[in-house]
Protein backbone atom coordinates (compact mmCIF):
# COMPACT_ATOMS: atom_id res chain seq x y z
CA MET A 1 54.88 15.49 -10.48
CA PRO A 2 54.84 13.99 -6.95
CA ASN A 3 53.86 17.40 -5.55
CA PHE A 4 50.70 17.30 -7.65
CA SER A 5 49.84 13.86 -6.28
CA PHE A 6 50.37 14.93 -2.68
CA ALA A 7 48.30 18.06 -3.29
CA ILE A 8 45.37 15.99 -4.57
CA ILE A 9 45.68 13.62 -1.61
CA ALA A 10 45.77 16.55 0.84
CA ILE A 11 42.67 18.13 -0.72
CA ILE A 12 40.69 14.89 -0.62
CA LEU A 13 41.66 14.13 2.97
CA GLY A 14 41.01 17.70 4.10
CA VAL A 15 37.52 17.65 2.61
CA SER A 16 36.84 14.25 4.17
CA LEU A 17 37.91 15.50 7.61
CA TYR A 18 35.77 18.61 7.20
CA ARG A 19 32.68 16.58 6.26
CA GLN A 20 33.07 14.17 9.17
CA PHE A 21 33.41 16.89 11.81
CA ASP A 22 30.24 17.79 13.72
CA TYR A 23 30.41 21.43 14.79
CA GLU A 24 27.51 21.16 17.24
CA THR A 25 29.15 18.51 19.40
CA LEU A 26 32.74 19.24 18.28
CA THR A 27 33.39 15.56 17.55
CA PHE A 28 34.04 13.35 14.55
CA GLU A 29 31.47 10.84 13.32
CA LYS A 30 34.12 8.11 13.13
CA PRO A 31 37.00 9.05 15.44
CA ALA A 32 39.32 6.18 14.48
CA LEU A 33 38.98 6.93 10.78
CA ALA A 34 39.50 10.63 11.47
CA VAL A 35 42.84 9.85 13.14
CA VAL A 36 43.96 7.89 10.07
CA TYR A 37 42.84 10.73 7.78
CA LEU A 38 44.61 13.29 9.96
CA VAL A 39 47.90 11.38 9.95
CA ALA A 40 47.76 10.90 6.17
CA PHE A 41 46.82 14.57 5.71
CA ALA A 42 49.75 15.71 7.86
CA LEU A 43 52.17 13.45 5.96
CA SER A 44 50.98 14.71 2.59
CA ILE A 45 51.41 18.33 3.72
CA PHE A 46 54.88 17.46 5.05
CA PHE A 47 55.92 15.93 1.73
CA LEU A 48 54.49 18.91 -0.16
CA ILE A 49 56.59 21.31 1.90
CA LYS A 50 59.66 19.08 1.71
CA GLY A 51 59.34 18.82 -2.08
CA ARG A 52 58.91 22.56 -2.44
CA LYS A 53 62.05 23.27 -0.42
CA LYS A 54 63.97 20.70 -2.45
CA ASN A 55 62.87 22.29 -5.74
CA GLU A 56 63.73 25.84 -4.67
CA GLY A 57 67.44 25.17 -5.17
CA LYS A 58 66.99 23.77 -8.68
CA THR A 59 66.87 25.93 -11.79
CA ASP A 60 65.28 24.96 -15.06
CA ALA A 61 67.74 24.95 -17.97
């Protein structure tokens, strides 16, 4: 269940980062907020990968 939560968080943050990025000037509209989003996005991806590796060893009975 936590993997689902982190996946939703990663999707929302990824979309937010994408919308804030200006491709003409290659900058973010709000740089400080983009840093917070990026850190939270990276942490959610980290926990998704960590949870997947942890669940690989388990078998459903």
